[in-house]
C-alpha atoms as a PDB file:
ATOM      1  CA  MET A   1     -13.878   7.975   5.385  1.00  0.00           C
ATOM      2  CA  VAL A   2     -14.894  10.042   2.346  1.00  0.00           C
ATOM      3  CA  THR A   3     -13.441  13.472   1.795  1.00  0.00           C
ATOM      4  CA  ALA A   4     -15.759  16.434   2.149  1.00  0.00           C
ATOM      5  CA  ALA A   5     -17.771  17.508  -0.845  1.00  0.00           C
ATOM      6  CA  THR A   6     -17.020  20.646  -2.776  1.00  0.00           C
ATOM      7  CA  ASP A   7     -18.857  22.580  -5.433  1.00  0.00           C
ATOM      8  CA  SER A   8     -15.647  23.540  -7.192  1.00  0.00           C
ATOM      9  CA  VAL A   9     -14.902  21.937 -10.523  1.00  0.00           C
ATOM     10  CA  ARG A  10     -11.428  20.517 -10.979  1.00  0.00           C
ATOM     11  CA  GLU A  11     -10.059  21.341 -14.407  1.00  0.00           C
ATOM     12  CA  VAL A  12      -6.693  20.525 -15.943  1.00  0.00           C
ATOM     13  CA  PRO A  13      -5.269  23.103 -18.367  1.00  0.00           C
ATOM     14  CA  GLU A  14      -3.769  21.911 -21.605  1.00  0.00           C
ATOM     15  CA  HIS A  15      -0.012  21.876 -22.121  1.00  0.00           C
ATOM     16  CA  SER A  16      -0.288  23.870 -25.339  1.00  0.00           C
ATOM     17  CA  ASP A  17       1.265  26.962 -23.747  1.00  0.00           C
ATOM     18  CA  SER A  18       3.916  25.207 -21.674  1.00  0.00           C
ATOM     19  CA  GLY A  19       6.335  22.347 -21.954  1.00  0.00           C
ATOM     20  CA  PRO A  20       6.420  19.267 -19.730  1.00  0.00           C
ATOM     21  CA  GLY A  21       7.550  20.126 -16.231  1.00  0.00           C
ATOM     22  CA  GLU A  22       6.573  23.804 -16.414  1.00  0.00           C
ATOM     23  CA  ARG A  23       3.194  23.306 -14.753  1.00  0.00           C
ATOM     24  CA  TRP A  24       4.061  20.193 -12.721  1.00  0.00           C
ATOM     25  CA  PRO A  25       7.390  18.660 -11.702  1.00  0.00           C
ATOM     26  CA  ILE A  26       8.099  15.650 -13.874  1.00  0.00           C
ATOM     27  CA  MET A  27       7.493  12.472 -11.881  1.00  0.00           C
ATOM     28  CA  ASN A  28       8.166   8.786 -12.395  1.00  0.00           C
ATOM     29  CA  ILE A  29       4.824   7.010 -12.117  1.00  0.00           C
ATOM     30  CA  VAL A  30       4.003   3.302 -12.223  1.00  0.00           C
ATOM     31  CA  VAL A  31       0.546   2.198 -13.400  1.00  0.00           C
ATOM     32  CA  PHE A  32      -0.537  -1.353 -12.566  1.00  0.00           C
ATOM     33  CA  GLY A  33      -3.395  -2.638 -14.706  1.00  0.00           C
ATOM     34  CA  ALA A  34      -2.281  -0.355 -17.528  1.00  0.00           C
ATOM     35  CA  GLY A  35      -4.005  -2.483 -20.163  1.00  0.00           C
ATOM     36  CA  GLY A  36      -7.516  -1.971 -18.780  1.00  0.00           C
ATOM     37  CA  ARG A  37      -9.838   0.916 -19.547  1.00  0.00           C
ATOM     38  CA  ALA A  38      -9.129   2.966 -16.414  1.00  0.00           C
ATOM     39  CA  GLY A  39      -5.443   2.068 -16.349  1.00  0.00           C
ATOM     40  CA  ARG A  40      -4.953   2.881 -20.010  1.00  0.00           C
ATOM     41  CA  GLN A  41      -6.478   6.327 -19.522  1.00  0.00           C
ATOM     42  CA  ALA A  42      -4.336   6.923 -16.428  1.00  0.00           C
ATOM     43  CA  VAL A  43      -1.243   6.126 -18.510  1.00  0.00           C
ATOM     44  CA  ALA A  44      -2.394   8.508 -21.237  1.00  0.00           C
ATOM     45  CA  GLU A  45      -3.161  11.327 -18.782  1.00  0.00           C
ATOM     46  CA  ALA A  46       0.144  11.029 -16.940  1.00  0.00           C
ATOM     47  CA  HIS A  47       2.054  10.888 -20.231  1.00  0.00           C
ATOM     48  CA  ARG A  48       0.074  13.865 -21.579  1.00  0.00           C
ATOM     49  CA  ARG A  49       1.278  15.915 -18.605  1.00  0.00           C
ATOM     50  CA  GLY A  50       4.901  15.044 -19.316  1.00  0.00           C
ATOM     51  CA  HIS A  51       5.509  12.429 -16.637  1.00  0.00           C
ATOM     52  CA  GLN A  52       7.673   9.351 -17.106  1.00  0.00           C
ATOM     53  CA  VAL A  53       5.314   6.378 -17.016  1.00  0.00           C
ATOM     54  CA  THR A  54       5.977   2.692 -16.475  1.00  0.00           C
ATOM     55  CA  SER A  55       2.977   0.605 -17.541  1.00  0.00           C
ATOM     56  CA  VAL A  56       2.739  -2.761 -15.796  1.00  0.00           C
ATOM     57  CA  VAL A  57       0.718  -5.491 -17.516  1.00  0.00           C
ATOM     58  CA  ARG A  58       0.627  -9.277 -17.402  1.00  0.00           C
ATOM     59  CA  ASP A  59       1.680  -9.649 -21.057  1.00  0.00           C
ATOM     60  CA  PRO A  60       3.625  -6.738 -22.607  1.00  0.00           C
ATOM     61  CA  ALA A  61       3.449  -8.364 -26.051  1.00  0.00           C
ATOM     62  CA  GLY A  62      -0.290  -7.771 -26.052  1.00  0.00           C
ATOM     63  CA  HIS A  63       0.032  -4.048 -25.333  1.00  0.00           C
ATOM     64  CA  SER A  64       2.202  -2.614 -28.078  1.00  0.00           C
ATOM     65  CA  ASP A  65      -0.445   0.122 -28.443  1.00  0.00           C
ATOM     66  CA  LEU A  66       0.764   1.947 -25.312  1.00  0.00           C
ATOM     67  CA  PRO A  67       3.070   4.419 -27.097  1.00  0.00           C
ATOM     68  CA  GLY A  68       5.590   6.703 -25.467  1.00  0.00           C
ATOM     69  CA  VAL A  69       5.770   4.810 -22.197  1.00  0.00           C
ATOM     70  CA  ARG A  70       7.773   1.919 -20.793  1.00  0.00           C
ATOM     71  CA  VAL A  71       5.772  -1.321 -20.721  1.00  0.00           C
ATOM     72  CA  VAL A  72       6.879  -4.124 -18.386  1.00  0.00           C
ATOM     73  CA  GLN A  73       5.531  -7.453 -17.211  1.00  0.00           C
ATOM     74  CA  GLY A  74       4.401  -7.549 -13.612  1.00  0.00           C
ATOM     75  CA  ASP A  75       1.995  -9.050 -11.107  1.00  0.00           C
ATOM     76  CA  VAL A  76       0.199  -6.771  -8.656  1.00  0.00           C
ATOM     77  CA  THR A  77      -0.294  -9.671  -6.247  1.00  0.00           C
ATOM     78  CA  ASP A  78       3.447 -10.419  -6.038  1.00  0.00           C
ATOM     79  CA  GLU A  79       5.481  -8.202  -3.731  1.00  0.00           C
ATOM     80  CA  VAL A  80       8.795  -8.967  -5.482  1.00  0.00           C
ATOM     81  CA  SER A  81       7.333  -8.065  -8.878  1.00  0.00           C
ATOM     82  CA  ILE A  82       5.958  -4.839  -7.400  1.00  0.00           C
ATOM     83  CA  GLU A  83       9.259  -3.927  -5.787  1.00  0.00           C
ATOM     84  CA  HIS A  84      11.132  -4.400  -9.073  1.00  0.00           C
ATOM     85  CA  ALA A  85       8.578  -2.405 -11.089  1.00  0.00           C
ATOM     86  CA  ALA A  86       8.358   0.460  -8.579  1.00  0.00           C
ATOM     87  CA  ALA A  87      12.052   0.906  -7.779  1.00  0.00           C
ATOM     88  CA  GLY A  88      13.164   4.425  -8.668  1.00  0.00           C
ATOM     89  CA  HIS A  89       9.613   5.752  -9.026  1.00  0.00           C
ATOM     90  CA  ASP A  90       7.761   8.460  -7.123  1.00  0.00           C
ATOM     91  CA  ALA A  91       4.221   7.110  -6.972  1.00  0.00           C
ATOM     92  CA  VAL A  92       1.924   4.312  -8.097  1.00  0.00           C
ATOM     93  CA  ILE A  93      -1.557   4.083  -9.579  1.00  0.00           C
ATOM     94  CA  THR A  94      -3.311   0.734  -9.508  1.00  0.00           C
ATOM     95  CA  ALA A  95      -6.327  -0.036 -11.664  1.00  0.00           C
ATOM     96  CA  ALA A  96      -5.609  -3.754 -11.832  1.00  0.00           C
ATOM     97  CA  VAL A  97      -8.189  -6.527 -11.688  1.00  0.00           C
ATOM     98  CA  ASP A  98      -8.038 -10.249 -12.418  1.00  0.00           C
ATOM     99  CA  LEU A  99     -11.454 -11.801 -12.936  1.00  0.00           C
ATOM    100  CA  SER A 100      -9.964 -15.304 -12.898  1.00  0.00           C
ATOM    101  CA  VAL A 101      -9.328 -14.931  -9.148  1.00  0.00           C
ATOM    102  CA  PRO A 102     -12.095 -14.623  -6.515  1.00  0.00           C
ATOM    103  CA  PRO A 103     -12.538 -10.860  -5.934  1.00  0.00           C
ATOM    104  CA  HIS A 104     -11.942 -10.982  -2.181  1.00  0.00           C
ATOM    105  CA  ASP A 105      -8.704 -12.890  -2.704  1.00  0.00           C
ATOM    106  CA  PHE A 106      -7.469 -10.673  -5.527  1.00  0.00           C
ATOM    107  CA  PHE A 107      -8.083  -7.289  -3.928  1.00  0.00           C
ATOM    108  CA  THR A 108      -6.777  -8.218  -0.489  1.00  0.00           C
ATOM    109  CA  MET A 109      -3.713  -9.998  -1.913  1.00  0.00           C
ATOM    110  CA  SER A 110      -2.910  -7.073  -4.184  1.00  0.00           C
ATOM    111  CA  VAL A 111      -3.132  -4.502  -1.374  1.00  0.00           C
ATOM    112  CA  ARG A 112      -0.940  -6.596   0.898  1.00  0.00           C
ATOM    113  CA  ALA A 113       1.590  -7.122  -1.894  1.00  0.00           C
ATOM    114  CA  LEU A 114       1.564  -3.409  -2.764  1.00  0.00           C
ATOM    115  CA  ALA A 115       2.087  -2.429   0.866  1.00  0.00           C
ATOM    116  CA  THR A 116       5.107  -4.716   1.148  1.00  0.00           C
ATOM    117  CA  GLY A 117       6.561  -4.231  -2.329  1.00  0.00           C
ATOM    118  CA  LEU A 118       6.210  -0.455  -2.381  1.00  0.00           C
ATOM    119  CA  GLY A 119       7.619  -0.252   1.122  1.00  0.00           C
ATOM    120  CA  LYS A 120      10.725  -2.110  -0.004  1.00  0.00           C
ATOM    121  CA  ALA A 121      10.978   0.096  -3.113  1.00  0.00           C
ATOM    122  CA  GLY A 122      10.725   3.266  -1.014  1.00  0.00           C
ATOM    123  CA  VAL A 123       7.484   4.436  -2.661  1.00  0.00           C
ATOM    124  CA  ARG A 124       4.859   5.925  -0.342  1.00  0.00           C
ATOM    125  CA  ARG A 125       2.082   7.325  -2.539  1.00  0.00           C
ATOM    126  CA  LEU A 126      -0.509   4.886  -3.907  1.00  0.00           C
ATOM    127  CA  VAL A 127      -3.684   5.889  -5.745  1.00  0.00           C
ATOM    128  CA  ALA A 128      -6.192   3.078  -6.265  1.00  0.00           C
ATOM    129  CA  ALA A 129      -9.022   3.162  -8.792  1.00  0.00           C
ATOM    130  CA  GLY A 130     -12.119   2.239  -6.815  1.00  0.00           C
ATOM    131  CA  LEU A 131     -15.723   1.144  -7.197  1.00  0.00           C
ATOM    132  CA  ALA A 132     -18.859   3.232  -6.703  1.00  0.00           C
ATOM    133  CA  SER A 133     -20.861   0.369  -5.213  1.00  0.00           C
ATOM    134  CA  ILE A 134     -18.961   0.404  -1.911  1.00  0.00           C
ATOM    135  CA  MET A 135     -19.052   4.177  -1.446  1.00  0.00           C
ATOM    136  CA  PRO A 136     -21.723   5.840   0.729  1.00  0.00           C
ATOM    137  CA  GLY A 137     -24.969   6.693  -1.032  1.00  0.00           C
ATOM    138  CA  PRO A 138     -27.438   9.473  -0.148  1.00  0.00           C
ATOM    139  CA  SER A 139     -28.537   7.663   3.029  1.00  0.00           C
ATOM    140  CA  GLY A 140     -24.974   7.138   4.216  1.00  0.00           C
ATOM    141  CA  VAL A 141     -24.903   3.375   3.656  1.00  0.00           C
ATOM    142  CA  PRO A 142     -22.889   1.885   0.775  1.00  0.00           C
ATOM    143  CA  LEU A 143     -24.621   2.132  -2.586  1.00  0.00           C
ATOM    144  CA  MET A 144     -24.700  -1.660  -2.843  1.00  0.00           C
ATOM    145  CA  ASP A 145     -26.964  -1.709   0.243  1.00  0.00           C
ATOM    146  CA  GLU A 146     -29.378   0.952  -1.028  1.00  0.00           C
ATOM    147  CA  PRO A 147     -32.860  -0.406  -1.909  1.00  0.00           C
ATOM    148  CA  GLY A 148     -33.102  -1.386  -5.560  1.00  0.00           C
ATOM    149  CA  TYR A 149     -29.367  -1.286  -6.246  1.00  0.00           C
ATOM    150  CA  PRO A 150     -28.353  -4.080  -8.664  1.00  0.00           C
ATOM    151  CA  ASN A 151     -26.465  -6.773  -6.800  1.00  0.00           C
ATOM    152  CA  GLU A 152     -25.723  -9.465  -9.357  1.00  0.00           C
ATOM    153  CA  TYR A 153     -22.028  -8.641  -8.922  1.00  0.00           C
ATOM    154  CA  ARG A 154     -22.127  -8.401  -5.142  1.00  0.00           C
ATOM    155  CA  ALA A 155     -19.123 -10.707  -4.713  1.00  0.00           C
ATOM    156  CA  PHE A 156     -17.104  -8.232  -6.789  1.00  0.00           C
ATOM    157  CA  TYR A 157     -18.368  -5.326  -4.683  1.00  0.00           C
ATOM    158  CA  LEU A 158     -17.444  -7.121  -1.468  1.00  0.00           C
ATOM    159  CA  GLY A 159     -13.997  -7.881  -2.872  1.00  0.00           C
ATOM    160  CA  HIS A 160     -13.425  -4.173  -3.474  1.00  0.00           C
ATOM    161  CA  ALA A 161     -14.670  -3.421   0.042  1.00  0.00           C
ATOM    162  CA  ALA A 162     -12.202  -5.926   1.487  1.00  0.00           C
ATOM    163  CA  GLY A 163      -9.425  -4.298  -0.525  1.00  0.00           C
ATOM    164  CA  LEU A 164     -10.343  -0.883   0.864  1.00  0.00           C
ATOM    165  CA  ASP A 165     -10.308  -2.314   4.383  1.00  0.00           C
ATOM    166  CA  ALA A 166      -6.831  -3.681   3.680  1.00  0.00           C
ATOM    167  CA  LEU A 167      -5.714  -0.240   2.503  1.00  0.00           C
ATOM    168  CA  ARG A 168      -6.895   1.258   5.775  1.00  0.00           C
ATOM    169  CA  SER A 169      -4.657  -1.184   7.621  1.00  0.00           C
ATOM    170  CA  CYS A 170      -1.479  -0.532   5.625  1.00  0.00           C
ATOM    171  CA  ASP A 171       1.206   2.098   6.165  1.00  0.00           C
ATOM    172  CA  LEU A 172       1.124   3.645   2.682  1.00  0.00           C
ATOM    173  CA  ASP A 173      -0.006   7.184   1.863  1.00  0.00           C
ATOM    174  CA  TRP A 174      -2.996   6.033  -0.166  1.00  0.00           C
ATOM    175  CA  ALA A 175      -6.070   7.454  -1.863  1.00  0.00           C
ATOM    176  CA  TYR A 176      -9.032   5.392  -3.061  1.00  0.00           C
ATOM    177  CA  VAL A 177     -10.691   7.201  -5.968  1.00  0.00           C
ATOM    178  CA  ALA A 178     -14.058   5.874  -7.139  1.00  0.00           C
ATOM    179  CA  PRO A 179     -16.608   7.073  -9.673  1.00  0.00           C
ATOM    180  CA  ALA A 180     -19.783   8.318  -8.001  1.00  0.00           C
ATOM    181  CA  GLY A 181     -21.825   6.054 -10.259  1.00  0.00           C
ATOM    182  CA  ASP A 182     -20.792   4.326 -13.461  1.00  0.00           C
ATOM    183  CA  PHE A 183     -18.632   5.206 -16.437  1.00  0.00           C
ATOM    184  CA  ASN A 184     -19.660   6.919 -19.645  1.00  0.00           C
ATOM    185  CA  HIS A 185     -17.918   4.299 -21.747  1.00  0.00           C
ATOM    186  CA  ASP A 186     -18.005   6.215 -25.026  1.00  0.00           C
ATOM    187  CA  GLY A 187     -17.545   9.774 -23.784  1.00  0.00           C
ATOM    188  CA  ALA A 188     -14.575  11.978 -24.621  1.00  0.00           C
ATOM    189  CA  ARG A 189     -12.230  13.764 -22.241  1.00  0.00           C
ATOM    190  CA  THR A 190     -13.604  17.125 -21.078  1.00  0.00           C
ATOM    191  CA  GLY A 191     -10.738  17.978 -18.707  1.00  0.00           C
ATOM    192  CA  ARG A 192     -13.184  18.500 -15.823  1.00  0.00           C
ATOM    193  CA  TYR A 193     -14.612  16.586 -12.880  1.00  0.00           C
ATOM    194  CA  ARG A 194     -16.251  17.283  -9.537  1.00  0.00           C
ATOM    195  CA  ILE A 195     -15.829  15.723  -6.099  1.00  0.00           C
ATOM    196  CA  ALA A 196     -19.176  14.138  -5.262  1.00  0.00           C
ATOM    197  CA  GLU A 197     -20.963  14.540  -1.947  1.00  0.00           C
ATOM    198  CA  HIS A 198     -21.969  10.873  -2.100  1.00  0.00           C
ATOM    199  CA  GLY A 199     -22.395   8.020  -4.536  1.00  0.00           C
ATOM    200  CA  ASP A 200     -25.053   8.461  -7.210  1.00  0.00           C
ATOM    201  CA  PRO A 201     -26.090   5.559  -9.478  1.00  0.00           C
ATOM    202  CA  ALA A 202     -27.204   8.060 -12.136  1.00  0.00           C
ATOM    203  CA  SER A 203     -23.773   9.701 -12.371  1.00  0.00           C
ATOM    204  CA  ARG A 204     -21.647   8.999 -15.441  1.00  0.00           C
ATOM    205  CA  ILE A 205     -18.023  10.090 -15.849  1.00  0.00           C
ATOM    206  CA  THR A 206     -15.753   9.279 -18.756  1.00  0.00           C
ATOM    207  CA  TYR A 207     -12.702   7.122 -18.202  1.00  0.00           C
ATOM    208  CA  ALA A 208     -10.525   9.983 -19.449  1.00  0.00           C
ATOM    209  CA  ASP A 209     -11.924  12.458 -16.905  1.00  0.00           C
ATOM    210  CA  PHE A 210     -11.705   9.854 -14.148  1.00  0.00           C
ATOM    211  CA  ALA A 211      -8.027   9.462 -15.027  1.00  0.00           C
ATOM    212  CA  ILE A 212      -7.530  13.192 -14.450  1.00  0.00           C
ATOM    213  CA  ALA A 213      -8.607  12.685 -10.830  1.00  0.00           C
ATOM    214  CA  LEU A 214      -6.210   9.751 -10.450  1.00  0.00           C
ATOM    215  CA  VAL A 215      -3.232  11.740 -11.716  1.00  0.00           C
ATOM    216  CA  ASP A 216      -4.264  14.826  -9.721  1.00  0.00           C
ATOM    217  CA  GLU A 217      -3.976  12.716  -6.566  1.00  0.00           C
ATOM    218  CA  ILE A 218      -0.387  11.963  -7.565  1.00  0.00           C
ATOM    219  CA  GLU A 219       0.613  15.542  -8.438  1.00  0.00           C
ATOM    220  CA  THR A 220      -1.280  17.418  -5.724  1.00  0.00           C
ATOM    221  CA  PRO A 221      -2.587  14.917  -3.156  1.00  0.00           C
ATOM    222  CA  ARG A 222      -5.797  15.999  -1.427  1.00  0.00           C
ATOM    223  CA  SER A 223      -7.055  12.651  -0.188  1.00  0.00           C
ATOM    224  CA  ARG A 224      -4.640  11.068   2.255  1.00  0.00           C
ATOM    225  CA  ARG A 225      -5.577   7.655   3.579  1.00  0.00           C
ATOM    226  CA  ALA A 226      -9.122   8.404   2.448  1.00  0.00           C
ATOM    227  CA  ALA A 227     -11.681   7.454  -0.179  1.00  0.00           C
ATOM    228  CA  VAL A 228     -13.296   9.977  -2.498  1.00  0.00           C
ATOM    229  CA  SER A 229     -16.101   9.845  -5.074  1.00  0.00           C
ATOM    230  CA  ILE A 230     -15.660  11.586  -8.427  1.00  0.00           C
ATOM    231  CA  ARG A 231     -18.456  12.648 -10.757  1.00  0.00           C
ATOM    232  CA  GLU A 232     -18.850  14.499 -14.029  1.00  0.00           C
ATOM    233  CA  ALA A 233     -18.644  18.304 -13.883  1.00  0.00           C
END
């Protein structure tokens, strides 16, 4: 299920005229995959808004450039590791990927481990960074099945799809947030994004603006047990 489209642009005001906690209640947020491009921007966005952030990576020694946040070692496919990292937190963002593991195995194992570990930690809200290729395109079928769509990474697409199926079967209050197309890898944060009607291979959103949508789904959840496509405003 994809949430309904809207023409409204989501925009996050700067904190220049207010201190942390004045616009949003301060929350304790865990980010798995905090060393990757999407995860790193999610950490930065949550920290920018004044939240307390725990960044979970495989090797904390390699991520000393995540300032102002707590960095811990963890494994998103291990329920005990997840429970320990998430204890005492309000919500979780996962943008984790491990290319050394077959995609189907990684994404299904991580969702199952998150469902169990977060359940034991008493954390209900999970926001997962998703993939455009498995979201519906203009015809209603997944983008990866549209004529002419590049499929050299189809195993990765199918792994994401299996992970989304696993989310649908778990008891968490989850949101699956995917770019409508690809990322603008070099673009700067604009503070704006739009909910897309469907996937669009021509769409490009910056990682920083994508992270705004991830953190918005923590602060003011709109997508509950649903997937949503995000595009540039």
